[in-house]
Amino acid sequence: MREVLELFVQERIVVVLKARQLGLTWLALHFAFWLMGFDPELVRAKVLAVSKTESDANKLLRRLRRINDLLPRFLRFAEDSD
């Protein structure tokens, strides 16, 4: 996983073909959340998540919302769009 995280940091675009149950989706979502809100070099970054179906894409959005909800109140972001 460390190698993948290092790729996320080094490369602008990372495409991964992966098996299930590796934890890579959670890693990517946490990294995306950090980019969108905490990276000092990127103000209000936009992240594209591509899924096979709309249902799968909605699951990713729900996971991102859950990440935000679990943060202490002073670190949470107000949602302004889907």
PDB file of N, CA and C in Angstrom:
ATOM      1  N   MET A   1       0.813  -1.190   0.000  1.00  0.00           N
ATOM      2  CA  MET A   1       0.000   0.000   0.000  1.00  0.00           C
ATOM      3  C   MET A   1       0.859   1.257   0.000  1.00  0.00           C
ATOM      4  N   ARG A   2       1.980   1.195   0.672  1.00  0.00           N
ATOM      5  CA  ARG A   2       2.845   2.372   0.730  1.00  0.00           C
ATOM      6  C   ARG A   2       3.270   2.811  -0.670  1.00  0.00           C
ATOM      7  N   GLU A   3       3.571   1.839  -1.531  1.00  0.00           N
ATOM      8  CA  GLU A   3       4.000   2.165  -2.892  1.00  0.00           C
ATOM      9  C   GLU A   3       2.881   2.870  -3.659  1.00  0.00           C
ATOM     10  N   VAL A   4       1.670   2.431  -3.456  1.00  0.00           N
ATOM     11  CA  VAL A   4       0.528   3.052  -4.129  1.00  0.00           C
ATOM     12  C   VAL A   4       0.335   4.483  -3.624  1.00  0.00           C
ATOM     13  N   LEU A   5       0.426   4.677  -2.321  1.00  0.00           N
ATOM     14  CA  LEU A   5       0.294   6.015  -1.762  1.00  0.00           C
ATOM     15  C   LEU A   5       1.389   6.936  -2.305  1.00  0.00           C
ATOM     16  N   GLU A   6       2.601   6.428  -2.423  1.00  0.00           N
ATOM     17  CA  GLU A   6       3.683   7.225  -2.996  1.00  0.00           C
ATOM     18  C   GLU A   6       3.388   7.598  -4.448  1.00  0.00           C
ATOM     19  N   LEU A   7       2.790   6.677  -5.209  1.00  0.00           N
ATOM     20  CA  LEU A   7       2.377   6.993  -6.581  1.00  0.00           C
ATOM     21  C   LEU A   7       1.314   8.086  -6.603  1.00  0.00           C
ATOM     22  N   PHE A   8       0.356   8.009  -5.675  1.00  0.00           N
ATOM     23  CA  PHE A   8      -0.668   9.047  -5.586  1.00  0.00           C
ATOM     24  C   PHE A   8      -0.025  10.420  -5.389  1.00  0.00           C
ATOM     25  N   VAL A   9       0.993  10.471  -4.552  1.00  0.00           N
ATOM     26  CA  VAL A   9       1.663  11.740  -4.262  1.00  0.00           C
ATOM     27  C   VAL A   9       2.478  12.222  -5.463  1.00  0.00           C
ATOM     28  N   GLN A  10       3.151  11.306  -6.149  1.00  0.00           N
ATOM     29  CA  GLN A  10       4.082  11.679  -7.216  1.00  0.00           C
ATOM     30  C   GLN A  10       3.402  11.970  -8.553  1.00  0.00           C
ATOM     31  N   GLU A  11       2.342  11.249  -8.868  1.00  0.00           N
ATOM     32  CA  GLU A  11       1.743  11.329 -10.198  1.00  0.00           C
ATOM     33  C   GLU A  11       0.434  12.104 -10.174  1.00  0.00           C
ATOM     34  N   ARG A  12       0.166  12.825 -11.241  1.00  0.00           N
ATOM     35  CA  ARG A  12      -1.071  13.590 -11.338  1.00  0.00           C
ATOM     36  C   ARG A  12      -2.271  12.677 -11.597  1.00  0.00           C
ATOM     37  N   ILE A  13      -2.077  11.648 -12.410  1.00  0.00           N
ATOM     38  CA  ILE A  13      -3.141  10.699 -12.743  1.00  0.00           C
ATOM     39  C   ILE A  13      -2.644   9.288 -12.445  1.00  0.00           C
ATOM     40  N   VAL A  14      -3.453   8.532 -11.723  1.00  0.00           N
ATOM     41  CA  VAL A  14      -3.126   7.139 -11.420  1.00  0.00           C
ATOM     42  C   VAL A  14      -4.344   6.296 -11.777  1.00  0.00           C
ATOM     43  N   VAL A  15      -4.152   5.313 -12.644  1.00  0.00           N
ATOM     44  CA  VAL A  15      -5.217   4.378 -13.014  1.00  0.00           C
ATOM     45  C   VAL A  15      -4.821   3.014 -12.483  1.00  0.00           C
ATOM     46  N   VAL A  16      -5.747   2.379 -11.764  1.00  0.00           N
ATOM     47  CA  VAL A  16      -5.438   1.108 -11.115  1.00  0.00           C
ATOM     48  C   VAL A  16      -6.478   0.070 -11.509  1.00  0.00           C
ATOM     49  N   LEU A  17      -6.023  -1.056 -12.004  1.00  0.00           N
ATOM     50  CA  LEU A  17      -6.877  -2.219 -12.193  1.00  0.00           C
ATOM     51  C   LEU A  17      -6.570  -3.131 -11.018  1.00  0.00           C
ATOM     52  N   LYS A  18      -7.571  -3.390 -10.198  1.00  0.00           N
ATOM     53  CA  LYS A  18      -7.290  -4.098  -8.953  1.00  0.00           C
ATOM     54  C   LYS A  18      -8.328  -5.168  -8.671  1.00  0.00           C
ATOM     55  N   ALA A  19      -7.956  -6.042  -7.777  1.00  0.00           N
ATOM     56  CA  ALA A  19      -8.893  -7.044  -7.274  1.00  0.00           C
ATOM     57  C   ALA A  19      -9.690  -6.417  -6.130  1.00  0.00           C
ATOM     58  N   ARG A  20     -10.677  -7.132  -5.645  1.00  0.00           N
ATOM     59  CA  ARG A  20     -11.493  -6.634  -4.537  1.00  0.00           C
ATOM     60  C   ARG A  20     -10.805  -6.899  -3.196  1.00  0.00           C
ATOM     61  N   GLN A  21     -11.295  -6.205  -2.189  1.00  0.00           N
ATOM     62  CA  GLN A  21     -10.901  -6.445  -0.796  1.00  0.00           C
ATOM     63  C   GLN A  21      -9.426  -6.177  -0.503  1.00  0.00           C
ATOM     64  N   LEU A  22      -8.838  -5.212  -1.189  1.00  0.00           N
ATOM     65  CA  LEU A  22      -7.439  -4.864  -0.924  1.00  0.00           C
ATOM     66  C   LEU A  22      -7.298  -3.627  -0.041  1.00  0.00           C
ATOM     67  N   GLY A  23      -8.375  -2.870   0.117  1.00  0.00           N
ATOM     68  CA  GLY A  23      -8.314  -1.633   0.884  1.00  0.00           C
ATOM     69  C   GLY A  23      -7.862  -0.445   0.050  1.00  0.00           C
ATOM     70  N   LEU A  24      -7.626  -0.680  -1.220  1.00  0.00           N
ATOM     71  CA  LEU A  24      -7.120   0.380  -2.087  1.00  0.00           C
ATOM     72  C   LEU A  24      -8.151   1.482  -2.310  1.00  0.00           C
ATOM     73  N   THR A  25      -9.417   1.128  -2.381  1.00  0.00           N
ATOM     74  CA  THR A  25     -10.456   2.134  -2.566  1.00  0.00           C
ATOM     75  C   THR A  25     -10.489   3.089  -1.378  1.00  0.00           C
ATOM     76  N   TRP A  26     -10.410   2.545  -0.169  1.00  0.00           N
ATOM     77  CA  TRP A  26     -10.398   3.399   1.023  1.00  0.00           C
ATOM     78  C   TRP A  26      -9.168   4.297   1.034  1.00  0.00           C
ATOM     79  N   LEU A  27      -8.022   3.754   0.660  1.00  0.00           N
ATOM     80  CA  LEU A  27      -6.800   4.558   0.602  1.00  0.00           C
ATOM     81  C   LEU A  27      -6.974   5.700  -0.394  1.00  0.00           C
ATOM     82  N   ALA A  28      -7.498   5.391  -1.565  1.00  0.00           N
ATOM     83  CA  ALA A  28      -7.703   6.417  -2.594  1.00  0.00           C
ATOM     84  C   ALA A  28      -8.706   7.476  -2.123  1.00  0.00           C
ATOM     85  N   LEU A  29      -9.766   7.053  -1.452  1.00  0.00           N
ATOM     86  CA  LEU A  29     -10.756   8.012  -0.967  1.00  0.00           C
ATOM     87  C   LEU A  29     -10.183   8.934   0.107  1.00  0.00           C
ATOM     88  N   HIS A  30      -9.407   8.380   1.019  1.00  0.00           N
ATOM     89  CA  HIS A  30      -8.786   9.217   2.049  1.00  0.00           C
ATOM     90  C   HIS A  30      -7.779  10.190   1.428  1.00  0.00           C
ATOM     91  N   PHE A  31      -7.023   9.725   0.462  1.00  0.00           N
ATOM     92  CA  PHE A  31      -6.082  10.611  -0.211  1.00  0.00           C
ATOM     93  C   PHE A  31      -6.827  11.709  -0.965  1.00  0.00           C
ATOM     94  N   ALA A  32      -7.906  11.348  -1.655  1.00  0.00           N
ATOM     95  CA  ALA A  32      -8.719  12.335  -2.381  1.00  0.00           C
ATOM     96  C   ALA A  32      -9.305  13.362  -1.409  1.00  0.00           C
ATOM     97  N   PHE A  33      -9.787  12.895  -0.276  1.00  0.00           N
ATOM     98  CA  PHE A  33     -10.343  13.801   0.727  1.00  0.00           C
ATOM     99  C   PHE A  33      -9.282  14.778   1.207  1.00  0.00           C
ATOM    100  N   TRP A  34      -8.085  14.275   1.454  1.00  0.00           N
ATOM    101  CA  TRP A  34      -6.980  15.137   1.876  1.00  0.00           C
ATOM    102  C   TRP A  34      -6.671  16.172   0.800  1.00  0.00           C
ATOM    103  N   LEU A  35      -6.614  15.736  -0.470  1.00  0.00           N
ATOM    104  CA  LEU A  35      -6.348  16.671  -1.563  1.00  0.00           C
ATOM    105  C   LEU A  35      -7.411  17.769  -1.618  1.00  0.00           C
ATOM    106  N   MET A  36      -8.662  17.381  -1.473  1.00  0.00           N
ATOM    107  CA  MET A  36      -9.753  18.342  -1.607  1.00  0.00           C
ATOM    108  C   MET A  36      -9.783  19.357  -0.471  1.00  0.00           C
ATOM    109  N   GLY A  37      -9.245  18.999   0.678  1.00  0.00           N
ATOM    110  CA  GLY A  37      -9.411  19.910   1.797  1.00  0.00           C
ATOM    111  C   GLY A  37      -8.185  20.316   2.570  1.00  0.00           C
ATOM    112  N   PHE A  38      -7.108  19.557   2.449  1.00  0.00           N
ATOM    113  CA  PHE A  38      -5.984  19.815   3.338  1.00  0.00           C
ATOM    114  C   PHE A  38      -4.651  20.057   2.641  1.00  0.00           C
ATOM    115  N   ASP A  39      -4.541  19.764   1.367  1.00  0.00           N
ATOM    116  CA  ASP A  39      -3.276  19.980   0.666  1.00  0.00           C
ATOM    117  C   ASP A  39      -3.069  21.476   0.477  1.00  0.00           C
ATOM    118  N   PRO A  40      -2.010  22.050   1.064  1.00  0.00           N
ATOM    119  CA  PRO A  40      -1.812  23.499   0.981  1.00  0.00           C
ATOM    120  C   PRO A  40      -1.505  23.996  -0.429  1.00  0.00           C
ATOM    121  N   GLU A  41      -1.071  23.122  -1.318  1.00  0.00           N
ATOM    122  CA  GLU A  41      -0.739  23.539  -2.681  1.00  0.00           C
ATOM    123  C   GLU A  41      -1.954  23.541  -3.609  1.00  0.00           C
ATOM    124  N   LEU A  42      -3.004  22.856  -3.233  1.00  0.00           N
ATOM    125  CA  LEU A  42      -4.212  22.769  -4.062  1.00  0.00           C
ATOM    126  C   LEU A  42      -5.388  23.355  -3.303  1.00  0.00           C
ATOM    127  N   VAL A  43      -5.892  24.455  -3.778  1.00  0.00           N
ATOM    128  CA  VAL A  43      -7.044  25.063  -3.133  1.00  0.00           C
ATOM    129  C   VAL A  43      -8.310  24.513  -3.786  1.00  0.00           C
ATOM    130  N   ARG A  44      -9.139  23.868  -2.979  1.00  0.00           N
ATOM    131  CA  ARG A  44     -10.404  23.310  -3.468  1.00  0.00           C
ATOM    132  C   ARG A  44     -10.205  22.385  -4.671  1.00  0.00           C
ATOM    133  N   ALA A  45      -9.326  21.426  -4.543  1.00  0.00           N
ATOM    134  CA  ALA A  45      -9.050  20.476  -5.625  1.00  0.00           C
ATOM    135  C   ALA A  45     -10.312  19.709  -5.991  1.00  0.00           C
ATOM    136  N   LYS A  46     -10.387  19.300  -7.228  1.00  0.00           N
ATOM    137  CA  LYS A  46     -11.490  18.471  -7.699  1.00  0.00           C
ATOM    138  C   LYS A  46     -10.939  17.075  -7.994  1.00  0.00           C
ATOM    139  N   VAL A  47     -11.694  16.055  -7.618  1.00  0.00           N
ATOM    140  CA  VAL A  47     -11.278  14.677  -7.797  1.00  0.00           C
ATOM    141  C   VAL A  47     -12.353  13.950  -8.582  1.00  0.00           C
ATOM    142  N   LEU A  48     -11.951  13.192  -9.587  1.00  0.00           N
ATOM    143  CA  LEU A  48     -12.885  12.413 -10.392  1.00  0.00           C
ATOM    144  C   LEU A  48     -12.794  10.949  -9.967  1.00  0.00           C
ATOM    145  N   ALA A  49     -13.928  10.376  -9.595  1.00  0.00           N
ATOM    146  CA  ALA A  49     -13.995   8.958  -9.257  1.00  0.00           C
ATOM    147  C   ALA A  49     -14.879   8.282 -10.301  1.00  0.00           C
ATOM    148  N   VAL A  50     -14.339   7.291 -10.967  1.00  0.00           N
ATOM    149  CA  VAL A  50     -15.052   6.604 -12.035  1.00  0.00           C
ATOM    150  C   VAL A  50     -15.420   5.204 -11.561  1.00  0.00           C
ATOM    151  N   SER A  51     -16.678   4.840 -11.754  1.00  0.00           N
ATOM    152  CA  SER A  51     -17.152   3.514 -11.370  1.00  0.00           C
ATOM    153  C   SER A  51     -17.922   2.889 -12.527  1.00  0.00           C
ATOM    154  N   LYS A  52     -18.129   1.584 -12.414  1.00  0.00           N
ATOM    155  CA  LYS A  52     -18.874   0.864 -13.461  1.00  0.00           C
ATOM    156  C   LYS A  52     -20.316   1.314 -13.542  1.00  0.00           C
ATOM    157  N   THR A  53     -20.925   1.568 -12.393  1.00  0.00           N
ATOM    158  CA  THR A  53     -22.348   1.912 -12.375  1.00  0.00           C
ATOM    159  C   THR A  53     -22.576   3.158 -11.519  1.00  0.00           C
ATOM    160  N   GLU A  54     -23.732   3.768 -11.691  1.00  0.00           N
ATOM    161  CA  GLU A  54     -24.091   4.925 -10.871  1.00  0.00           C
ATOM    162  C   GLU A  54     -24.192   4.513  -9.400  1.00  0.00           C
ATOM    163  N   SER A  55     -24.675   3.326  -9.157  1.00  0.00           N
ATOM    164  CA  SER A  55     -24.788   2.819  -7.793  1.00  0.00           C
ATOM    165  C   SER A  55     -23.411   2.727  -7.127  1.00  0.00           C
ATOM    166  N   ASP A  56     -22.426   2.222  -7.865  1.00  0.00           N
ATOM    167  CA  ASP A  56     -21.063   2.134  -7.323  1.00  0.00           C
ATOM    168  C   ASP A  56     -20.495   3.528  -7.057  1.00  0.00           C
ATOM    169  N   ALA A  57     -20.772   4.469  -7.947  1.00  0.00           N
ATOM    170  CA  ALA A  57     -20.293   5.842  -7.752  1.00  0.00           C
ATOM    171  C   ALA A  57     -20.931   6.460  -6.510  1.00  0.00           C
ATOM    172  N   ASN A  58     -22.208   6.189  -6.309  1.00  0.00           N
ATOM    173  CA  ASN A  58     -22.888   6.701  -5.117  1.00  0.00           C
ATOM    174  C   ASN A  58     -22.295   6.119  -3.841  1.00  0.00           C
ATOM    175  N   LYS A  59     -21.862   4.861  -3.890  1.00  0.00           N
ATOM    176  CA  LYS A  59     -21.205   4.251  -2.731  1.00  0.00           C
ATOM    177  C   LYS A  59     -19.921   5.001  -2.388  1.00  0.00           C
ATOM    178  N   LEU A  60     -19.173   5.386  -3.414  1.00  0.00           N
ATOM    179  CA  LEU A  60     -17.942   6.155  -3.176  1.00  0.00           C
ATOM    180  C   LEU A  60     -18.256   7.490  -2.508  1.00  0.00           C
ATOM    181  N   LEU A  61     -19.295   8.159  -2.992  1.00  0.00           N
ATOM    182  CA  LEU A  61     -19.685   9.436  -2.378  1.00  0.00           C
ATOM    183  C   LEU A  61     -20.115   9.254  -0.927  1.00  0.00           C
ATOM    184  N   ARG A  62     -20.851   8.182  -0.654  1.00  0.00           N
ATOM    185  CA  ARG A  62     -21.260   7.911   0.730  1.00  0.00           C
ATOM    186  C   ARG A  62     -20.043   7.664   1.614  1.00  0.00           C
ATOM    187  N   ARG A  63     -19.055   6.952   1.081  1.00  0.00           N
ATOM    188  CA  ARG A  63     -17.832   6.712   1.855  1.00  0.00           C
ATOM    189  C   ARG A  63     -17.106   8.016   2.149  1.00  0.00           C
ATOM    190  N   LEU A  64     -17.020   8.918   1.160  1.00  0.00           N
ATOM    191  CA  LEU A  64     -16.380  10.211   1.385  1.00  0.00           C
ATOM    192  C   LEU A  64     -17.121  11.022   2.440  1.00  0.00           C
ATOM    193  N   ARG A  65     -18.440  10.983   2.378  1.00  0.00           N
ATOM    194  CA  ARG A  65     -19.228  11.695   3.394  1.00  0.00           C
ATOM    195  C   ARG A  65     -18.975  11.113   4.786  1.00  0.00           C
ATOM    196  N   ARG A  66     -18.834   9.796   4.850  1.00  0.00           N
ATOM    197  CA  ARG A  66     -18.567   9.145   6.142  1.00  0.00           C
ATOM    198  C   ARG A  66     -17.197   9.552   6.687  1.00  0.00           C
ATOM    199  N   ILE A  67     -16.200   9.627   5.815  1.00  0.00           N
ATOM    200  CA  ILE A  67     -14.871  10.093   6.230  1.00  0.00           C
ATOM    201  C   ILE A  67     -15.008  11.476   6.854  1.00  0.00           C
ATOM    202  N   ASN A  68     -15.741  12.357   6.188  1.00  0.00           N
ATOM    203  CA  ASN A  68     -15.937  13.719   6.690  1.00  0.00           C
ATOM    204  C   ASN A  68     -16.670  13.707   8.032  1.00  0.00           C
ATOM    205  N   ASP A  69     -17.704  12.882   8.136  1.00  0.00           N
ATOM    206  CA  ASP A  69     -18.495  12.825   9.367  1.00  0.00           C
ATOM    207  C   ASP A  69     -17.688  12.339  10.565  1.00  0.00           C
ATOM    208  N   LEU A  70     -16.691  11.528  10.334  1.00  0.00           N
ATOM    209  CA  LEU A  70     -15.892  10.972  11.435  1.00  0.00           C
ATOM    210  C   LEU A  70     -14.791  11.912  11.916  1.00  0.00           C
ATOM    211  N   LEU A  71     -14.571  12.993  11.193  1.00  0.00           N
ATOM    212  CA  LEU A  71     -13.576  13.979  11.632  1.00  0.00           C
ATOM    213  C   LEU A  71     -14.109  14.784  12.808  1.00  0.00           C
ATOM    214  N   PRO A  72     -13.201  15.339  13.621  1.00  0.00           N
ATOM    215  CA  PRO A  72     -13.672  16.273  14.650  1.00  0.00           C
ATOM    216  C   PRO A  72     -14.416  17.432  13.981  1.00  0.00           C
ATOM    217  N   ARG A  73     -15.380  17.995  14.676  1.00  0.00           N
ATOM    218  CA  ARG A  73     -16.239  19.024  14.106  1.00  0.00           C
ATOM    219  C   ARG A  73     -15.463  20.172  13.457  1.00  0.00           C
ATOM    220  N   PHE A  74     -14.372  20.597  14.077  1.00  0.00           N
ATOM    221  CA  PHE A  74     -13.638  21.753  13.557  1.00  0.00           C
ATOM    222  C   PHE A  74     -12.876  21.442  12.263  1.00  0.00           C
ATOM    223  N   LEU A  75     -12.755  20.166  11.882  1.00  0.00           N
ATOM    224  CA  LEU A  75     -12.076  19.799  10.636  1.00  0.00           C
ATOM    225  C   LEU A  75     -13.049  19.428   9.514  1.00  0.00           C
ATOM    226  N   ARG A  76     -14.310  19.295   9.823  1.00  0.00           N
ATOM    227  CA  ARG A  76     -15.292  18.871   8.826  1.00  0.00           C
ATOM    228  C   ARG A  76     -15.532  19.955   7.779  1.00  0.00           C
ATOM    229  N   PHE A  77     -15.912  19.506   6.604  1.00  0.00           N
ATOM    230  CA  PHE A  77     -16.235  20.416   5.515  1.00  0.00           C
ATOM    231  C   PHE A  77     -17.731  20.420   5.275  1.00  0.00           C
ATOM    232  N   ALA A  78     -18.251  21.593   4.973  1.00  0.00           N
ATOM    233  CA  ALA A  78     -19.654  21.696   4.589  1.00  0.00           C
ATOM    234  C   ALA A  78     -19.765  21.242   3.144  1.00  0.00           C
ATOM    235  N   GLU A  79     -20.760  20.429   2.855  1.00  0.00           N
ATOM    236  CA  GLU A  79     -20.945  19.927   1.497  1.00  0.00           C
ATOM    237  C   GLU A  79     -21.669  20.980   0.678  1.00  0.00           C
ATOM    238  N   ASP A  80     -21.108  21.300  -0.499  1.00  0.00           N
ATOM    239  CA  ASP A  80     -21.752  22.309  -1.343  1.00  0.00           C
ATOM    240  C   ASP A  80     -22.279  21.754  -2.657  1.00  0.00           C
ATOM    241  N   SER A  81     -21.930  20.494  -3.000  1.00  0.00           N
ATOM    242  CA  SER A  81     -22.465  19.881  -4.214  1.00  0.00           C
ATOM    243  C   SER A  81     -22.210  18.382  -4.178  1.00  0.00           C
ATOM    244  N   ASP A  82     -22.860  17.658  -5.089  1.00  0.00           N
ATOM    245  CA  ASP A  82     -22.619  16.220  -5.233  1.00  0.00           C
ATOM    246  C   ASP A  82     -21.489  16.030  -6.191  1.00  0.00           C
TER     247      ASP A  82
END
